[in-house]
């Protein structure tokens, strides 16, 4: 049984491995992450991602390490506008703390004992003066002194190292054209690196599991939802993460992940499994995916009626739709238009779920709305402890085959679905184990 589970896990992760191979991921780890007891495992996971063909740029923070150095030197600093005001004296402590943190990371990536997961990894870590910085200057009358911000990222130099199969490690210190060093915010730095490299993903690793709403983890977020959360967030650390995520998504990064350093294996789970472990924020998720409400009935009818008239979907009356609205999930455009819908019906034994009424607004075809909608339906089915899904369709057979369904027969359907099968429509029957 254990061996079968291992094989199943490898088969489930292989599509993600194939999809991610050759892609550039910027991973930002906080200084707190480096101090975690499971930091060894996290480094091993990062090395594993690189060995699977992903191009990794690692950006690290060092706030607790800097705080410790400042305390030992009896130097006090204060924060304004979420930034540390860095004096020349404090900058010496910043350099020491950042340098020592970097050495810890490099030493972990250099391990290769036969008894360790790093055996045979041979990770080549490259650093350099990839970041040109400029001073923050004076804001609202406050002189931030040696605190800086990114002026330019040498993307060509970084890409050259990635092309040479090296992992690039970037520390939160940048240099001006005159050689002066500046203290940088690692989250902002990571976002800017991801933007400049046109990275496929920015992964922010911190003590935050993701974005929480009333105690529940939000698995996915659209940019409008994220912007709203940012306005109301009172958590300074989360505000920094969300700001970096918003900036990255608005500037071209397709995916941003928020992952916890406290959960062992969270990074691998987030990138290589369906459910993930944190929060995924996507640039092209301008639409919100949510459970349908009674107020959505009119919008759903407007979406599905043309398909019913073409006999693509089975006709549903408003009354029936109102009765079954709790079965529906909808995709809503920021302006309020319902641009996608799908339904999940449990069968008599509740082990098999029927996927039905999958529809996308014709003006939004080709934008992946149907795929994202199906991913949510599949996730909901697993949450309901269903073991498989079935679907009956006349014109979308190939689409469902691409989603992992296999052809089946009417006799393979649950008894109550067999009795309801419309032989006049002659729908194809498909099944998928989840």
Protein backbone atom coordinates (compact mmCIF):
# COMPACT_ATOMS: atom_id res chain seq x y z
CA UNK A 1 0.00 0.00 0.00
CA UNK A 2 2.78 2.39 0.88
CA UNK A 3 4.54 1.73 -2.42
CA UNK A 4 1.27 2.28 -4.31
CA UNK A 5 0.76 5.64 -2.58
CA UNK A 6 4.30 6.63 -3.52
CA UNK A 7 3.69 5.73 -7.16
CA UNK A 8 0.37 7.60 -7.14
CA UNK A 9 2.09 10.68 -5.71
CA UNK A 10 4.75 10.63 -8.44
CA UNK A 11 2.11 10.29 -11.13
CA UNK A 12 0.10 13.19 -9.70
CA UNK A 13 3.11 15.49 -9.50
CA UNK A 14 4.52 14.65 -12.94
CA UNK A 15 2.21 17.05 -14.87
CA UNK A 16 3.39 19.91 -12.67
CA UNK A 17 7.03 18.92 -13.08
CA UNK A 18 6.64 18.87 -16.87
CA UNK A 19 4.81 22.21 -16.80
CA UNK A 20 7.39 23.92 -14.57
CA UNK A 21 10.53 22.62 -16.27
CA UNK A 22 12.55 25.46 -17.77
CA UNK A 23 10.45 28.14 -16.04
CA UNK A 24 11.96 30.89 -13.90
CA UNK A 25 10.83 31.02 -10.26
CA UNK A 26 11.85 33.76 -7.85
CA UNK A 27 11.66 32.45 -4.28
CA UNK A 28 11.79 35.02 -1.47
CA UNK A 29 12.52 33.69 2.02
CA UNK A 30 12.29 35.86 5.10
CA UNK A 31 15.05 36.14 7.69
CA UNK A 32 12.71 34.33 10.09
CA UNK A 33 12.55 31.42 7.64
CA UNK A 34 16.32 30.99 7.88
CA UNK A 35 16.02 30.65 11.66
CA UNK A 36 13.38 27.91 11.49
CA UNK A 37 14.31 24.40 12.66
CA UNK A 38 13.07 22.96 9.35
CA UNK A 39 15.12 25.38 7.24
CA UNK A 40 17.34 22.42 6.26
CA UNK A 41 14.32 20.70 4.71
CA UNK A 42 13.25 23.88 2.94
CA UNK A 43 16.68 24.24 1.34
CA UNK A 44 16.53 20.60 0.26
CA UNK A 45 13.14 21.25 -1.34
CA UNK A 46 14.49 24.30 -3.20
CA UNK A 47 17.42 22.24 -4.46
CA UNK A 48 14.99 19.53 -5.55
CA UNK A 49 13.00 22.04 -7.58
CA UNK A 50 16.16 23.07 -9.38
CA UNK A 51 17.11 19.46 -10.03
CA UNK A 52 13.68 19.00 -11.65
CA UNK A 53 14.56 21.66 -14.21
CA UNK A 54 13.24 24.86 -12.65
CA UNK A 55 15.37 27.99 -12.88
CA UNK A 56 15.65 29.33 -9.33
CA UNK A 57 16.48 32.82 -8.14
CA UNK A 58 16.58 32.92 -4.34
CA UNK A 59 16.12 36.28 -2.59
CA UNK A 60 16.52 36.36 1.19
CA UNK A 61 15.65 38.73 4.00
CA UNK A 62 17.49 39.29 7.28
CA UNK A 63 15.32 41.44 9.57
CA UNK A 64 15.70 39.37 12.79
CA UNK A 65 19.42 38.94 12.13
CA UNK A 66 19.78 42.71 11.67
CA UNK A 67 17.81 43.35 14.85
CA UNK A 68 20.17 41.06 16.76
CA UNK A 69 23.30 42.81 15.43
CA UNK A 70 21.87 46.21 16.24
CA UNK A 71 21.03 45.12 19.79
CA UNK A 72 24.57 43.81 20.32
CA UNK A 73 25.94 47.16 19.14
CA UNK A 74 23.45 49.17 21.25
CA UNK A 75 22.14 50.90 18.14
CA UNK A 76 18.48 51.83 18.00
CA UNK A 77 16.56 52.26 14.75
CA UNK A 78 12.97 53.07 14.01
CA UNK A 79 10.53 52.25 11.25
CA UNK A 80 8.54 54.72 9.23
CA UNK A 81 6.18 53.81 6.39
CA UNK A 82 7.10 50.14 6.97
CA UNK A 83 10.79 50.90 6.25
CA UNK A 84 13.75 50.92 8.62
CA UNK A 85 15.61 54.22 8.80
CA UNK A 86 19.18 53.06 8.31
CA UNK A 87 21.97 55.26 9.62
CA UNK A 88 25.60 54.80 8.55
CA UNK A 89 26.32 53.06 11.87
CA UNK A 90 23.31 50.80 11.46
CA UNK A 91 24.40 49.99 7.90
CA UNK A 92 27.51 48.28 9.29
CA UNK A 93 25.25 45.95 11.28
CA UNK A 94 23.07 45.39 8.19
CA UNK A 95 26.10 44.30 6.17
CA UNK A 96 27.23 41.90 8.90
CA UNK A 97 23.77 40.40 9.38
CA UNK A 98 23.05 40.03 5.67
CA UNK A 99 26.49 38.56 5.03
CA UNK A 100 26.18 35.97 7.80
CA UNK A 101 22.67 35.03 6.69
CA UNK A 102 23.86 34.58 3.15
CA UNK A 103 26.65 32.29 4.35
CA UNK A 104 24.14 30.15 6.25
CA UNK A 105 22.08 29.71 3.09
CA UNK A 106 25.11 28.93 0.94
CA UNK A 107 26.39 26.39 3.45
CA UNK A 108 23.03 24.60 3.45
CA UNK A 109 23.01 24.52 -0.34
CA UNK A 110 26.55 23.09 -0.32
CA UNK A 111 25.73 19.99 1.72
CA UNK A 112 26.24 16.68 -0.02
CA UNK A 113 26.60 13.92 2.56
CA UNK A 114 25.40 10.51 1.36
CA UNK A 115 22.88 10.42 4.22
CA UNK A 116 21.32 13.78 3.29
CA UNK A 117 18.70 14.68 0.65
CA UNK A 118 21.32 17.00 -0.87
CA UNK A 119 23.53 14.06 -1.85
CA UNK A 120 24.35 14.37 -5.54
CA UNK A 121 22.55 17.73 -5.93
CA UNK A 122 25.75 19.69 -6.68
CA UNK A 123 23.99 23.04 -6.48
CA UNK A 124 26.11 25.86 -7.86
CA UNK A 125 25.15 29.09 -6.09
CA UNK A 126 26.05 32.36 -7.79
CA UNK A 127 25.89 35.85 -6.37
CA UNK A 128 27.07 39.23 -7.58
CA UNK A 129 26.33 42.90 -7.96
CA UNK A 130 23.12 42.25 -9.85
CA UNK A 131 21.19 45.03 -8.08
CA UNK A 132 21.76 48.73 -8.58
CA UNK A 133 20.12 50.76 -5.82
CA UNK A 134 19.25 54.33 -5.07
CA UNK A 135 18.39 56.03 -1.77
CA UNK A 136 14.77 56.27 -0.72
CA UNK A 137 15.65 59.84 0.18
CA UNK A 138 13.34 62.15 2.10
CA UNK A 139 9.64 61.28 2.28
CA UNK A 140 7.15 63.40 4.20
CA UNK A 141 10.06 65.15 5.84
CA UNK A 142 11.71 61.89 6.94
CA UNK A 143 15.26 61.16 5.78
CA UNK A 144 15.63 57.39 5.35
CA UNK A 145 19.41 57.81 4.96
CA UNK A 146 21.01 54.46 3.93
CA UNK A 147 17.67 52.76 3.22
CA UNK A 148 17.33 52.24 -0.50
CA UNK A 149 15.16 50.95 -3.29
CA UNK A 150 15.86 49.17 -6.54
CA UNK A 151 16.99 51.27 -9.47
CA UNK A 152 17.95 48.49 -11.87
CA UNK A 153 18.27 44.71 -12.02
CA UNK A 154 20.95 43.25 -14.30
CA UNK A 155 18.58 40.72 -15.85
CA UNK A 156 20.99 39.64 -18.59
CA UNK A 157 23.67 38.69 -16.06
CA UNK A 158 21.15 36.74 -13.98
CA UNK A 159 19.73 34.95 -17.02
CA UNK A 160 23.26 34.04 -18.11
CA UNK A 161 23.82 32.27 -14.78
CA UNK A 162 20.44 30.53 -14.96
CA UNK A 163 21.24 29.37 -18.49
CA UNK A 164 24.40 27.86 -17.02
CA UNK A 165 22.26 25.81 -14.58
CA UNK A 166 23.29 27.91 -11.58
CA UNK A 167 21.05 29.02 -8.76
CA UNK A 168 21.24 32.78 -8.24
CA UNK A 169 21.24 34.06 -4.64
CA UNK A 170 20.42 37.73 -4.12
CA UNK A 171 20.82 39.52 -0.80
CA UNK A 172 18.86 42.63 0.28
CA UNK A 173 21.72 45.06 -0.25
CA UNK A 174 22.15 47.11 -3.39
CA UNK A 175 24.92 49.40 -4.57
CA UNK A 176 24.74 52.79 -6.20
CA UNK A 177 26.84 53.87 -9.17
CA UNK A 178 29.27 55.41 -6.67
CA UNK A 179 29.63 52.11 -4.79
CA UNK A 180 27.55 53.16 -1.78
CA UNK A 181 25.60 50.32 -0.14
CA UNK A 182 21.88 50.57 0.66
CA UNK A 183 19.58 48.48 2.83
CA UNK A 184 16.71 47.06 0.73
CA UNK A 185 13.36 45.54 1.60
CA UNK A 186 13.68 41.91 0.49
CA UNK A 187 10.01 41.58 -0.50
CA UNK A 188 10.14 44.60 -2.79
CA UNK A 189 13.48 43.39 -4.13
CA UNK A 190 12.08 39.94 -4.92
CA UNK A 191 9.06 41.43 -6.68
CA UNK A 192 11.29 43.67 -8.80
CA UNK A 193 13.58 40.75 -9.69
CA UNK A 194 10.57 38.66 -10.74
CA UNK A 195 9.19 41.52 -12.85
CA UNK A 196 12.50 42.24 -14.56
CA UNK A 197 13.18 38.57 -15.32
CA UNK A 198 9.58 38.08 -16.51
CA UNK A 199 9.44 35.15 -14.10
CA UNK A 200 6.54 32.73 -14.26
CA UNK A 201 6.22 32.70 -10.48
CA UNK A 202 7.10 34.73 -7.41
CA UNK A 203 6.96 32.62 -4.24
CA UNK A 204 6.94 34.50 -0.93
CA UNK A 205 7.91 32.27 2.00
CA UNK A 206 7.22 33.61 5.48
CA UNK A 207 5.45 32.67 8.70
CA UNK A 208 2.14 33.37 6.97
CA UNK A 209 0.34 30.28 5.72
CA UNK A 210 -1.33 32.50 3.15
CA UNK A 211 -4.18 34.96 3.18
CA UNK A 212 -6.72 34.14 5.86
CA UNK A 213 -10.37 35.23 5.91
CA UNK A 214 -12.31 34.61 9.14
CA UNK A 215 -9.96 31.78 10.06
CA UNK A 216 -10.11 30.08 6.67
CA UNK A 217 -7.27 29.97 4.16
CA UNK A 218 -8.07 31.61 0.82
CA UNK A 219 -6.66 29.24 -1.79
CA UNK A 220 -6.94 31.69 -4.68
CA UNK A 221 -7.27 35.45 -4.95
CA UNK A 222 -7.93 37.86 -7.77
CA UNK A 223 -6.15 41.19 -7.99
CA UNK A 224 -9.27 43.20 -7.04
CA UNK A 225 -9.79 41.01 -3.97
CA UNK A 226 -6.13 41.36 -3.07
CA UNK A 227 -6.20 45.14 -3.41
CA UNK A 228 -9.24 45.27 -1.11
CA UNK A 229 -7.50 43.11 1.50
CA UNK A 230 -4.42 45.30 1.32
CA UNK A 231 -6.48 48.38 2.14
CA UNK A 232 -8.01 46.79 5.24
CA UNK A 233 -5.03 44.74 6.49
CA UNK A 234 -3.68 45.84 9.86
CA UNK A 235 -0.90 43.25 9.87
CA UNK A 236 2.30 45.08 8.89
CA UNK A 237 4.09 41.91 7.77
CA UNK A 238 1.11 40.71 5.73
CA UNK A 239 0.77 44.18 4.23
CA UNK A 240 4.35 43.91 2.99
CA UNK A 241 3.67 40.52 1.42
CA UNK A 242 0.44 41.67 -0.20
CA UNK A 243 2.06 44.86 -1.51
CA UNK A 244 4.83 42.84 -3.16
CA UNK A 245 2.24 40.44 -4.63
CA UNK A 246 0.12 43.26 -6.03
CA UNK A 247 3.14 45.01 -7.54
CA UNK A 248 4.38 41.80 -9.15
CA UNK A 249 1.00 40.80 -10.60
CA UNK A 250 0.23 44.26 -11.91
CA UNK A 251 3.63 44.37 -13.59
CA UNK A 252 3.46 41.11 -15.50
CA UNK A 253 4.21 38.19 -13.14
CA UNK A 254 1.59 35.55 -13.89
CA UNK A 255 1.49 33.81 -10.50
CA UNK A 256 2.39 34.77 -6.94
CA UNK A 257 2.30 32.17 -4.14
CA UNK A 258 2.24 32.86 -0.40
CA UNK A 259 3.68 29.87 1.47
CA UNK A 260 4.43 29.17 5.14
CA UNK A 261 7.90 28.23 6.37
CA UNK A 262 6.35 26.54 9.39
CA UNK A 263 4.73 23.72 7.41
CA UNK A 264 7.24 21.09 6.37
CA UNK A 265 7.15 20.50 2.63
CA UNK A 266 4.79 23.44 2.01
CA UNK A 267 6.83 24.65 -0.96
CA UNK A 268 6.64 21.31 -2.77
CA UNK A 269 2.99 20.90 -1.90
CA UNK A 270 2.15 24.35 -3.24
CA UNK A 271 3.95 23.89 -6.55
CA UNK A 272 3.53 20.18 -7.27
CA UNK A 273 0.04 19.22 -6.04
CA UNK A 274 -3.48 20.18 -7.00
CA UNK A 275 -4.60 21.53 -3.64
CA UNK A 276 -1.40 23.36 -2.76
CA UNK A 277 -0.67 24.58 0.76
CA UNK A 278 -0.92 28.38 0.63
CA UNK A 279 -2.58 31.16 -1.34
CA UNK A 280 -2.26 31.56 -5.10
CA UNK A 281 -2.61 35.07 -6.50
CA UNK A 282 -2.91 35.25 -10.26
CA UNK A 283 -2.52 38.09 -12.67
CA UNK A 284 -5.19 36.80 -15.05
CA UNK A 285 -7.71 35.99 -12.38
CA UNK A 286 -9.42 39.33 -12.80
CA UNK A 287 -12.59 37.30 -12.32
CA UNK A 288 -13.61 35.92 -8.93
CA UNK A 289 -14.56 32.25 -8.58
CA UNK A 290 -17.17 31.68 -5.87
CA UNK A 291 -20.24 29.69 -4.89
CA UNK A 292 -23.39 30.86 -6.65
CA UNK A 293 -26.19 32.64 -4.79
CA UNK A 294 -29.86 33.14 -5.59
CA UNK A 295 -28.99 36.59 -6.97
CA UNK A 296 -26.92 34.87 -9.69
CA UNK A 297 -29.85 32.96 -11.23
CA UNK A 298 -30.54 35.60 -13.88
CA UNK A 299 -26.89 35.82 -14.89
CA UNK A 300 -26.56 32.05 -15.14
CA UNK A 301 -29.71 31.80 -17.27
CA UNK A 302 -28.36 34.47 -19.61
CA UNK A 303 -25.15 32.45 -19.94
CA UNK A 304 -26.64 28.98 -20.47
CA UNK A 305 -29.84 29.74 -22.46
CA UNK A 306 -28.05 30.11 -25.84
CA UNK A 307 -26.30 26.77 -25.23
CA UNK A 308 -29.62 25.16 -24.29
CA UNK A 309 -31.16 26.46 -27.52
CA UNK A 310 -28.30 24.82 -29.43
CA UNK A 311 -28.93 21.56 -27.47
CA UNK A 312 -25.41 21.71 -26.03
CA UNK A 313 -26.84 21.81 -22.50
CA UNK A 314 -29.97 20.25 -21.01
CA UNK A 315 -32.65 22.90 -20.53
CA UNK A 316 -33.20 24.17 -16.97
CA UNK A 317 -36.12 26.29 -15.89
CA UNK A 318 -35.64 29.28 -13.61
CA UNK A 319 -37.52 27.42 -10.88
CA UNK A 320 -35.24 24.39 -11.15
CA UNK A 321 -32.16 26.58 -11.20
CA UNK A 322 -33.32 28.44 -8.09
CA UNK A 323 -33.81 25.08 -6.34
CA UNK A 324 -30.37 23.81 -7.35
CA UNK A 325 -28.40 27.06 -7.06
CA UNK A 326 -26.31 25.70 -4.16
CA UNK A 327 -24.81 23.18 -6.60
CA UNK A 328 -23.39 25.91 -8.83
CA UNK A 329 -20.05 27.71 -8.90
CA UNK A 330 -19.71 30.89 -10.93
CA UNK A 331 -16.92 33.04 -12.37
CA UNK A 332 -17.73 36.73 -11.99
CA UNK A 333 -16.04 39.52 -13.94
CA UNK A 334 -14.96 42.56 -11.86
CA UNK A 335 -17.83 44.50 -13.42
CA UNK A 336 -20.33 41.93 -12.14
CA UNK A 337 -20.96 39.90 -15.32
CA UNK A 338 -21.14 36.13 -14.84
CA UNK A 339 -18.70 34.76 -17.43
CA UNK A 340 -18.63 31.11 -16.39
CA UNK A 341 -20.59 28.53 -14.44
CA UNK A 342 -20.53 24.85 -13.56
CA UNK A 343 -22.48 22.57 -11.25
CA UNK A 344 -21.50 19.63 -9.04
CA UNK A 345 -24.24 17.15 -8.14
CA UNK A 346 -23.60 14.33 -5.65
CA UNK A 347 -25.03 10.98 -6.75
CA UNK A 348 -27.08 8.70 -4.53
CA UNK A 349 -24.10 7.19 -2.69
CA UNK A 350 -22.35 10.61 -2.51
CA UNK A 351 -19.07 9.00 -3.60
CA UNK A 352 -19.40 10.09 -7.21
CA UNK A 353 -20.02 13.67 -8.28
CA UNK A 354 -21.63 14.63 -11.55
CA UNK A 355 -20.18 17.66 -13.32
CA UNK A 356 -22.85 19.50 -15.26
CA UNK A 357 -23.77 22.79 -16.94
CA UNK A 358 -20.19 23.87 -17.69
CA UNK A 359 -20.41 27.09 -19.67
CA UNK A 360 -18.21 30.07 -20.54
CA UNK A 361 -19.32 33.42 -21.92
CA UNK A 362 -18.40 33.45 -25.66
CA UNK A 363 -16.60 36.79 -25.35
CA UNK A 364 -14.24 35.23 -22.79
CA UNK A 365 -13.37 32.00 -24.59
CA UNK A 366 -9.69 31.13 -24.72
CA UNK A 367 -8.87 32.80 -21.40
CA UNK A 368 -8.75 29.60 -19.32
CA UNK A 369 -11.96 30.36 -17.42
CA UNK A 370 -13.38 26.88 -17.98
CA UNK A 371 -10.17 25.24 -16.76
CA UNK A 372 -10.02 27.35 -13.61
CA UNK A 373 -13.68 26.69 -12.98
CA UNK A 374 -13.18 22.95 -13.34
CA UNK A 375 -10.20 23.06 -10.96
CA UNK A 376 -12.50 24.62 -8.35
CA UNK A 377 -15.21 22.00 -8.95
CA UNK A 378 -12.64 19.22 -8.59
CA UNK A 379 -11.33 20.79 -5.39
CA UNK A 380 -14.86 21.05 -3.99
CA UNK A 381 -15.49 17.39 -4.85
CA UNK A 382 -12.42 16.30 -2.90
CA UNK A 383 -13.50 18.46 0.03
CA UNK A 384 -16.81 16.54 -0.02
CA UNK A 385 -14.77 13.30 0.06
CA UNK A 386 -15.96 12.18 -3.36
CA UNK A 387 -13.79 9.54 -4.98
CA UNK A 388 -14.58 10.26 -8.61
CA UNK A 389 -16.42 12.48 -11.08
CA UNK A 390 -18.65 11.66 -14.02
CA UNK A 391 -19.96 13.79 -16.85
CA UNK A 392 -22.34 13.37 -19.78
CA UNK A 393 -21.68 15.60 -22.78
CA UNK A 394 -22.53 15.84 -26.46
CA UNK A 395 -19.94 18.35 -27.70
CA UNK A 396 -17.20 18.76 -25.07
CA UNK A 397 -15.75 15.25 -25.05
CA UNK A 398 -12.22 16.27 -26.00
CA UNK A 399 -12.17 19.06 -23.41
CA UNK A 400 -13.02 16.61 -20.63
CA UNK A 401 -10.49 14.09 -21.94
CA UNK A 402 -7.85 16.83 -21.64
CA UNK A 403 -8.93 17.24 -18.01
CA UNK A 404 -8.10 13.62 -17.23
CA UNK A 405 -11.47 11.96 -17.85
CA UNK A 406 -11.69 8.59 -19.60
CA UNK A 407 -14.46 7.24 -21.77
CA UNK A 408 -17.09 5.12 -19.99
CA UNK A 409 -20.43 3.44 -20.66
CA UNK A 410 -23.93 4.18 -19.43
CA UNK A 411 -23.78 1.05 -17.26
CA UNK A 412 -20.79 2.61 -15.46
CA UNK A 413 -22.98 5.45 -14.15
CA UNK A 414 -24.61 5.26 -10.70
CA UNK A 415 -28.04 3.60 -10.83
CA UNK A 416 -30.01 6.82 -10.43
CA UNK A 417 -28.07 8.43 -13.30
CA UNK A 418 -28.58 5.41 -15.55
CA UNK A 419 -32.33 5.66 -15.10
CA UNK A 420 -32.20 9.35 -16.08
CA UNK A 421 -29.97 8.89 -19.13
CA UNK A 422 -31.49 10.42 -22.28
CA UNK A 423 -30.76 8.00 -25.12
CA UNK A 424 -32.19 10.48 -27.62
CA UNK A 425 -29.39 12.96 -26.79
CA UNK A 426 -26.83 10.12 -26.99
CA UNK A 427 -24.40 11.94 -24.71
CA UNK A 428 -20.91 10.58 -24.25
CA UNK A 429 -20.18 9.30 -20.75
CA UNK A 430 -16.85 10.04 -19.08
CA UNK A 431 -15.33 9.24 -15.70
CA UNK A 432 -12.40 10.52 -13.67
CA UNK A 433 -10.98 9.21 -10.39
CA UNK A 434 -9.94 11.95 -7.96
